Amino acid sequence: MKEHGGGSIVSIPANCAGLAIKNLVAYASSKGGIHAMTQQSAAGLAPFKIRVNTFAPGPAQVRRNLEDDPDRDRNWGSRVPRNRTAHADEMAGPAVFLACDDSSYVTGQTFFVDGGWTTTGRMPEHRMDRAAARRTHPNS
């Protein structure tokens, strides 16, 4: 990117790093590390016209999530201020925005695309129990 006059790096972690959610210490900490890496990289790479941002999706109806919870929209939708989970195609526009020149003055930022979920940070209770079980029994 330096040799080509700049560019854009977009990381895509989950958005729970800034929320206090029971049983997700390791998971949320790893996502927080990506947010910190984004800020540090943005500062270090800015002189080379390389922008670094994080795109943080919220509860979404993507294959992996639906395999884990087929009733994801019902279970999570009520926890999101928009009263539903996202569809995968709703993630494309924000991701493309951060990658293209339309966001040429945006760097070091975390862009939450979550229907307002991070404003409340509520998770369905059945998820709390599953997270606790995974911590105790990693293969469950």
N, C-alpha and C. Protein backbone atom coordinates (compact mmCIF):
# COMPACT_ATOMS: atom_id res chain seq x y z
N MET A 1 0.84 -1.20 0.00
CA MET A 1 0.00 0.00 0.00
C MET A 1 0.87 1.25 0.00
N LYS A 2 1.99 1.19 0.72
CA LYS A 2 2.91 2.33 0.72
C LYS A 2 3.40 2.61 -0.69
N GLU A 3 3.79 1.56 -1.39
CA GLU A 3 4.32 1.70 -2.75
C GLU A 3 3.29 2.19 -3.74
N HIS A 4 2.01 1.97 -3.44
CA HIS A 4 0.94 2.38 -4.35
C HIS A 4 0.27 3.68 -3.93
N GLY A 5 0.82 4.38 -2.97
CA GLY A 5 0.30 5.68 -2.58
C GLY A 5 -0.84 5.66 -1.59
N GLY A 6 -1.04 4.55 -0.90
CA GLY A 6 -2.06 4.52 0.15
C GLY A 6 -3.08 3.42 -0.06
N GLY A 7 -4.10 3.46 0.78
CA GLY A 7 -5.15 2.45 0.71
C GLY A 7 -5.96 2.43 1.98
N SER A 8 -6.74 1.38 2.12
CA SER A 8 -7.64 1.27 3.26
C SER A 8 -7.61 -0.15 3.80
N ILE A 9 -7.49 -0.27 5.11
CA ILE A 9 -7.56 -1.54 5.81
C ILE A 9 -8.82 -1.50 6.67
N VAL A 10 -9.65 -2.51 6.54
CA VAL A 10 -10.88 -2.58 7.33
C VAL A 10 -10.91 -3.91 8.07
N SER A 11 -10.89 -3.85 9.41
CA SER A 11 -11.01 -5.04 10.25
C SER A 11 -12.48 -5.23 10.58
N ILE A 12 -12.88 -6.49 10.76
CA ILE A 12 -14.29 -6.76 11.03
C ILE A 12 -14.42 -7.69 12.24
N PRO A 13 -14.31 -7.13 13.46
CA PRO A 13 -14.59 -7.95 14.65
C PRO A 13 -16.05 -7.79 15.06
N ALA A 14 -16.50 -8.58 15.99
CA ALA A 14 -17.83 -8.36 16.56
C ALA A 14 -17.79 -7.08 17.39
N ASN A 15 -18.94 -6.58 17.75
CA ASN A 15 -18.99 -5.28 18.41
C ASN A 15 -19.12 -5.33 19.93
N CYS A 16 -18.85 -6.44 20.57
CA CYS A 16 -19.08 -6.53 22.01
C CYS A 16 -17.88 -6.08 22.86
N ALA A 17 -16.83 -5.58 22.26
CA ALA A 17 -15.63 -5.22 23.01
C ALA A 17 -15.88 -4.16 24.08
N GLY A 18 -16.75 -3.23 23.81
CA GLY A 18 -16.99 -2.14 24.75
C GLY A 18 -18.16 -2.37 25.68
N LEU A 19 -18.71 -3.58 25.69
CA LEU A 19 -19.87 -3.87 26.51
C LEU A 19 -19.50 -4.85 27.61
N ALA A 20 -20.07 -4.67 28.77
CA ALA A 20 -19.85 -5.61 29.87
C ALA A 20 -20.90 -6.70 29.77
N ILE A 21 -20.50 -7.85 29.23
CA ILE A 21 -21.43 -8.96 29.04
C ILE A 21 -20.90 -10.17 29.78
N LYS A 22 -21.71 -10.70 30.65
CA LYS A 22 -21.36 -11.85 31.47
C LYS A 22 -20.84 -13.01 30.61
N ASN A 23 -19.76 -13.64 31.08
CA ASN A 23 -19.17 -14.84 30.49
C ASN A 23 -18.45 -14.63 29.15
N LEU A 24 -18.20 -13.41 28.76
CA LEU A 24 -17.53 -13.18 27.48
C LEU A 24 -16.22 -12.43 27.62
N VAL A 25 -15.51 -12.63 28.72
CA VAL A 25 -14.28 -11.88 28.98
C VAL A 25 -13.24 -12.10 27.88
N ALA A 26 -12.91 -13.33 27.59
CA ALA A 26 -11.87 -13.60 26.59
C ALA A 26 -12.30 -13.14 25.20
N TYR A 27 -13.53 -13.44 24.84
CA TYR A 27 -14.05 -13.07 23.52
C TYR A 27 -14.04 -11.55 23.34
N ALA A 28 -14.62 -10.84 24.30
CA ALA A 28 -14.68 -9.38 24.21
C ALA A 28 -13.29 -8.76 24.25
N SER A 29 -12.39 -9.33 25.03
CA SER A 29 -11.02 -8.81 25.10
C SER A 29 -10.31 -8.94 23.76
N SER A 30 -10.52 -10.06 23.08
CA SER A 30 -9.88 -10.22 21.77
C SER A 30 -10.41 -9.21 20.78
N LYS A 31 -11.69 -8.90 20.86
CA LYS A 31 -12.27 -7.89 19.96
C LYS A 31 -11.76 -6.50 20.34
N GLY A 32 -11.60 -6.24 21.62
CA GLY A 32 -11.03 -4.97 22.07
C GLY A 32 -9.62 -4.78 21.56
N GLY A 33 -8.87 -5.87 21.48
CA GLY A 33 -7.52 -5.81 20.92
C GLY A 33 -7.53 -5.36 19.47
N ILE A 34 -8.52 -5.79 18.73
CA ILE A 34 -8.63 -5.37 17.32
C ILE A 34 -8.95 -3.87 17.25
N HIS A 35 -9.80 -3.39 18.14
CA HIS A 35 -10.11 -1.96 18.16
C HIS A 35 -8.84 -1.15 18.47
N ALA A 36 -8.06 -1.60 19.45
CA ALA A 36 -6.82 -0.91 19.80
C ALA A 36 -5.81 -0.98 18.66
N MET A 37 -5.70 -2.14 18.03
CA MET A 37 -4.80 -2.29 16.89
C MET A 37 -5.19 -1.33 15.76
N THR A 38 -6.49 -1.15 15.57
CA THR A 38 -6.98 -0.23 14.54
C THR A 38 -6.50 1.19 14.82
N GLN A 39 -6.66 1.64 16.05
CA GLN A 39 -6.25 3.00 16.39
C GLN A 39 -4.74 3.19 16.26
N GLN A 40 -3.98 2.24 16.79
CA GLN A 40 -2.52 2.35 16.72
C GLN A 40 -2.04 2.30 15.27
N SER A 41 -2.60 1.40 14.48
CA SER A 41 -2.20 1.28 13.08
C SER A 41 -2.59 2.52 12.29
N ALA A 42 -3.75 3.07 12.59
CA ALA A 42 -4.19 4.28 11.88
C ALA A 42 -3.21 5.42 12.10
N ALA A 43 -2.76 5.58 13.34
CA ALA A 43 -1.80 6.65 13.64
C ALA A 43 -0.46 6.39 12.94
N GLY A 44 -0.01 5.17 12.96
CA GLY A 44 1.28 4.85 12.37
C GLY A 44 1.29 4.86 10.86
N LEU A 45 0.17 4.52 10.24
CA LEU A 45 0.13 4.43 8.78
C LEU A 45 -0.41 5.67 8.08
N ALA A 46 -0.97 6.61 8.85
CA ALA A 46 -1.53 7.83 8.25
C ALA A 46 -0.54 8.59 7.37
N PRO A 47 0.74 8.73 7.76
CA PRO A 47 1.68 9.44 6.89
C PRO A 47 1.85 8.79 5.51
N PHE A 48 1.48 7.52 5.40
CA PHE A 48 1.61 6.81 4.13
C PHE A 48 0.29 6.78 3.36
N LYS A 49 -0.68 7.57 3.81
CA LYS A 49 -2.01 7.64 3.19
C LYS A 49 -2.74 6.31 3.25
N ILE A 50 -2.48 5.57 4.32
CA ILE A 50 -3.19 4.31 4.56
C ILE A 50 -4.14 4.53 5.71
N ARG A 51 -5.42 4.31 5.45
CA ARG A 51 -6.45 4.46 6.48
C ARG A 51 -6.74 3.09 7.09
N VAL A 52 -7.01 3.07 8.39
CA VAL A 52 -7.31 1.82 9.10
C VAL A 52 -8.55 2.05 9.95
N ASN A 53 -9.57 1.26 9.71
CA ASN A 53 -10.82 1.38 10.44
C ASN A 53 -11.34 0.00 10.80
N THR A 54 -12.27 0.00 11.74
CA THR A 54 -12.93 -1.23 12.15
C THR A 54 -14.42 -1.11 11.86
N PHE A 55 -14.94 -2.12 11.24
CA PHE A 55 -16.37 -2.24 10.95
C PHE A 55 -16.91 -3.29 11.91
N ALA A 56 -17.78 -2.90 12.83
CA ALA A 56 -18.24 -3.81 13.89
C ALA A 56 -19.73 -4.12 13.72
N PRO A 57 -20.04 -5.27 13.13
CA PRO A 57 -21.45 -5.64 12.96
C PRO A 57 -22.07 -6.13 14.25
N GLY A 58 -23.34 -5.93 14.36
CA GLY A 58 -24.10 -6.43 15.51
C GLY A 58 -24.79 -7.73 15.17
N PRO A 59 -25.83 -8.08 15.92
CA PRO A 59 -26.56 -9.32 15.67
C PRO A 59 -27.09 -9.37 14.23
N ALA A 60 -26.68 -10.41 13.51
CA ALA A 60 -27.05 -10.51 12.09
C ALA A 60 -27.48 -11.92 11.74
N GLN A 61 -28.26 -12.01 10.70
CA GLN A 61 -28.73 -13.30 10.19
C GLN A 61 -27.78 -13.77 9.10
N VAL A 62 -26.63 -14.25 9.53
CA VAL A 62 -25.67 -14.84 8.60
C VAL A 62 -25.60 -16.34 8.90
N ARG A 63 -25.10 -17.10 7.96
CA ARG A 63 -25.13 -18.56 8.06
C ARG A 63 -24.59 -19.08 9.39
N ARG A 64 -23.41 -18.62 9.78
CA ARG A 64 -22.81 -19.12 11.03
C ARG A 64 -23.72 -18.86 12.22
N ASN A 65 -24.29 -17.68 12.30
CA ASN A 65 -25.18 -17.35 13.42
C ASN A 65 -26.46 -18.17 13.38
N LEU A 66 -27.01 -18.37 12.19
CA LEU A 66 -28.24 -19.13 12.08
C LEU A 66 -28.03 -20.62 12.38
N GLU A 67 -26.84 -21.14 12.07
CA GLU A 67 -26.53 -22.52 12.44
C GLU A 67 -26.47 -22.66 13.96
N ASP A 68 -25.97 -21.65 14.63
CA ASP A 68 -25.86 -21.64 16.08
C ASP A 68 -27.22 -21.42 16.74
N ASP A 69 -28.04 -20.58 16.12
CA ASP A 69 -29.34 -20.21 16.69
C ASP A 69 -30.33 -19.97 15.55
N PRO A 70 -31.07 -21.01 15.12
CA PRO A 70 -32.02 -20.85 14.01
C PRO A 70 -33.10 -19.80 14.28
N ASP A 71 -33.41 -19.53 15.54
CA ASP A 71 -34.40 -18.51 15.89
C ASP A 71 -33.73 -17.19 16.24
N ARG A 72 -32.63 -16.89 15.60
CA ARG A 72 -31.81 -15.72 15.92
C ARG A 72 -32.62 -14.42 15.89
N ASP A 73 -33.41 -14.21 14.87
CA ASP A 73 -34.15 -12.95 14.79
C ASP A 73 -35.12 -12.81 15.95
N ARG A 74 -35.81 -13.87 16.29
CA ARG A 74 -36.75 -13.82 17.42
C ARG A 74 -35.99 -13.63 18.74
N ASN A 75 -34.90 -14.39 18.92
CA ASN A 75 -34.15 -14.34 20.18
C ASN A 75 -33.38 -13.03 20.37
N TRP A 76 -32.86 -12.49 19.28
CA TRP A 76 -32.03 -11.29 19.38
C TRP A 76 -32.77 -10.01 19.01
N GLY A 77 -33.74 -10.10 18.11
CA GLY A 77 -34.40 -8.90 17.61
C GLY A 77 -34.95 -7.99 18.69
N SER A 78 -35.53 -8.58 19.73
CA SER A 78 -36.09 -7.76 20.80
C SER A 78 -35.02 -7.06 21.62
N ARG A 79 -33.75 -7.46 21.48
CA ARG A 79 -32.64 -6.86 22.21
C ARG A 79 -32.03 -5.68 21.47
N VAL A 80 -32.41 -5.52 20.23
CA VAL A 80 -31.86 -4.46 19.37
C VAL A 80 -32.88 -3.33 19.26
N PRO A 81 -32.47 -2.07 19.47
CA PRO A 81 -33.42 -0.97 19.36
C PRO A 81 -34.22 -0.94 18.04
N ARG A 82 -33.65 -1.43 16.95
CA ARG A 82 -34.37 -1.50 15.67
C ARG A 82 -35.40 -2.63 15.68
N ASN A 83 -35.40 -3.43 16.74
CA ASN A 83 -36.35 -4.51 16.97
C ASN A 83 -36.24 -5.65 15.95
N ARG A 84 -35.03 -5.86 15.42
CA ARG A 84 -34.76 -6.96 14.51
C ARG A 84 -33.25 -7.12 14.36
N THR A 85 -32.85 -8.25 13.83
CA THR A 85 -31.44 -8.44 13.52
C THR A 85 -31.18 -8.00 12.09
N ALA A 86 -29.92 -7.84 11.76
CA ALA A 86 -29.55 -7.38 10.42
C ALA A 86 -29.55 -8.53 9.42
N HIS A 87 -29.75 -8.17 8.18
CA HIS A 87 -29.59 -9.11 7.07
C HIS A 87 -28.17 -8.92 6.54
N ALA A 88 -27.58 -9.95 6.04
CA ALA A 88 -26.19 -9.90 5.57
C ALA A 88 -25.97 -8.77 4.56
N ASP A 89 -26.93 -8.54 3.67
CA ASP A 89 -26.74 -7.51 2.65
C ASP A 89 -26.71 -6.09 3.24
N GLU A 90 -27.16 -5.91 4.48
CA GLU A 90 -27.10 -4.60 5.11
C GLU A 90 -25.69 -4.27 5.60
N MET A 91 -24.81 -5.23 5.57
CA MET A 91 -23.43 -5.02 6.00
C MET A 91 -22.55 -4.54 4.84
N ALA A 92 -22.93 -4.81 3.62
CA ALA A 92 -22.09 -4.50 2.46
C ALA A 92 -21.85 -3.00 2.30
N GLY A 93 -22.88 -2.19 2.34
CA GLY A 93 -22.73 -0.75 2.13
C GLY A 93 -21.76 -0.09 3.09
N PRO A 94 -21.93 -0.29 4.40
CA PRO A 94 -20.99 0.30 5.35
C PRO A 94 -19.56 -0.19 5.16
N ALA A 95 -19.38 -1.48 4.86
CA ALA A 95 -18.03 -2.01 4.65
C ALA A 95 -17.39 -1.39 3.41
N VAL A 96 -18.16 -1.27 2.35
CA VAL A 96 -17.64 -0.66 1.12
C VAL A 96 -17.31 0.81 1.37
N PHE A 97 -18.15 1.50 2.12
CA PHE A 97 -17.89 2.91 2.44
C PHE A 97 -16.52 3.07 3.10
N LEU A 98 -16.21 2.24 4.09
CA LEU A 98 -14.93 2.35 4.78
C LEU A 98 -13.75 1.98 3.88
N ALA A 99 -13.99 1.13 2.91
CA ALA A 99 -12.90 0.70 2.02
C ALA A 99 -12.64 1.67 0.87
N CYS A 100 -13.64 2.46 0.49
CA CYS A 100 -13.49 3.30 -0.70
C CYS A 100 -13.11 4.75 -0.35
N ASP A 101 -12.85 5.52 -1.38
CA ASP A 101 -12.42 6.91 -1.21
C ASP A 101 -13.50 7.83 -0.65
N ASP A 102 -14.75 7.39 -0.60
CA ASP A 102 -15.80 8.22 0.01
C ASP A 102 -15.52 8.48 1.49
N SER A 103 -14.70 7.64 2.10
CA SER A 103 -14.34 7.82 3.51
C SER A 103 -12.87 8.21 3.64
N SER A 104 -12.39 9.00 2.70
CA SER A 104 -10.96 9.34 2.64
C SER A 104 -10.43 10.07 3.87
N TYR A 105 -11.31 10.67 4.68
CA TYR A 105 -10.85 11.39 5.87
C TYR A 105 -11.23 10.64 7.15
N VAL A 106 -11.56 9.37 7.02
CA VAL A 106 -11.94 8.55 8.17
C VAL A 106 -10.82 7.55 8.43
N THR A 107 -10.22 7.61 9.61
CA THR A 107 -9.21 6.63 10.00
C THR A 107 -9.16 6.50 11.51
N GLY A 108 -8.86 5.29 11.96
CA GLY A 108 -8.76 5.03 13.40
C GLY A 108 -10.11 4.91 14.09
N GLN A 109 -11.15 4.65 13.33
CA GLN A 109 -12.49 4.64 13.88
C GLN A 109 -13.09 3.24 13.93
N THR A 110 -14.01 3.07 14.86
CA THR A 110 -14.83 1.87 14.90
C THR A 110 -16.23 2.28 14.47
N PHE A 111 -16.69 1.67 13.42
CA PHE A 111 -17.98 1.98 12.81
C PHE A 111 -18.96 0.87 13.18
N PHE A 112 -19.86 1.17 14.10
CA PHE A 112 -20.82 0.17 14.58
C PHE A 112 -22.02 0.12 13.63
N VAL A 113 -22.31 -1.06 13.13
CA VAL A 113 -23.47 -1.28 12.27
C VAL A 113 -24.30 -2.37 12.96
N ASP A 114 -25.13 -1.91 13.89
CA ASP A 114 -25.76 -2.88 14.79
C ASP A 114 -27.19 -2.54 15.18
N GLY A 115 -27.84 -1.66 14.44
CA GLY A 115 -29.22 -1.31 14.76
C GLY A 115 -29.37 -0.65 16.12
N GLY A 116 -28.27 -0.14 16.66
CA GLY A 116 -28.28 0.50 17.97
C GLY A 116 -28.02 -0.44 19.13
N TRP A 117 -27.65 -1.71 18.82
CA TRP A 117 -27.47 -2.69 19.88
C TRP A 117 -26.44 -2.27 20.91
N THR A 118 -25.36 -1.63 20.50
CA THR A 118 -24.33 -1.25 21.47
C THR A 118 -24.82 -0.16 22.42
N THR A 119 -25.93 0.49 22.10
CA THR A 119 -26.46 1.48 23.04
C THR A 119 -27.11 0.80 24.24
N THR A 120 -27.53 -0.45 24.08
CA THR A 120 -28.16 -1.17 25.19
C THR A 120 -27.33 -2.35 25.67
N GLY A 121 -26.65 -3.04 24.75
CA GLY A 121 -25.78 -4.16 25.10
C GLY A 121 -26.48 -5.35 25.71
N ARG A 122 -27.75 -5.51 25.45
CA ARG A 122 -28.48 -6.63 26.05
C ARG A 122 -28.36 -7.87 25.18
N MET A 123 -28.12 -9.00 25.84
CA MET A 123 -28.07 -10.28 25.13
C MET A 123 -29.19 -11.17 25.65
N PRO A 124 -29.69 -12.06 24.80
CA PRO A 124 -30.68 -13.02 25.29
C PRO A 124 -30.08 -13.88 26.40
N GLU A 125 -30.84 -14.15 27.42
CA GLU A 125 -30.34 -14.90 28.58
C GLU A 125 -29.81 -16.28 28.20
N HIS A 126 -30.42 -16.95 27.23
CA HIS A 126 -29.93 -18.29 26.88
C HIS A 126 -28.50 -18.22 26.35
N ARG A 127 -28.08 -17.10 25.82
CA ARG A 127 -26.72 -16.93 25.33
C ARG A 127 -25.74 -16.85 26.50
N MET A 128 -26.15 -16.25 27.59
CA MET A 128 -25.29 -16.14 28.76
C MET A 128 -24.93 -17.54 29.28
N ASP A 129 -25.93 -18.40 29.36
CA ASP A 129 -25.70 -19.75 29.85
C ASP A 129 -24.79 -20.53 28.91
N ARG A 130 -24.98 -20.36 27.62
CA ARG A 130 -24.15 -21.07 26.65
C ARG A 130 -22.70 -20.59 26.72
N ALA A 131 -22.51 -19.29 26.88
CA ALA A 131 -21.15 -18.75 27.00
C ALA A 131 -20.46 -19.31 28.25
N ALA A 132 -21.20 -19.41 29.34
CA ALA A 132 -20.63 -19.97 30.57
C ALA A 132 -20.26 -21.44 30.37
N ALA A 133 -21.10 -22.18 29.67
CA ALA A 133 -20.82 -23.60 29.42
C ALA A 133 -19.59 -23.76 28.56
N ARG A 134 -19.40 -22.91 27.57
CA ARG A 134 -18.23 -23.00 26.70
C ARG A 134 -16.96 -22.70 27.48
N ARG A 135 -17.06 -21.78 28.42
CA ARG A 135 -15.88 -21.45 29.23
C ARG A 135 -15.47 -22.65 30.08
N THR A 136 -16.44 -23.36 30.61
CA THR A 136 -16.18 -24.52 31.46
C THR A 136 -15.87 -25.75 30.63
N HIS A 137 -16.59 -25.93 29.54
CA HIS A 137 -16.43 -27.10 28.66
C HIS A 137 -16.24 -26.58 27.22
N PRO A 138 -15.01 -26.30 26.80
CA PRO A 138 -14.74 -25.66 25.50
C PRO A 138 -15.36 -26.36 24.30
N ASN A 139 -15.63 -27.63 24.35
CA ASN A 139 -16.18 -28.33 23.19
C ASN A 139 -17.69 -28.40 23.17
N SER A 140 -18.36 -27.75 24.12
CA SER A 140 -19.82 -27.82 24.15
C SER A 140 -20.43 -26.72 23.33
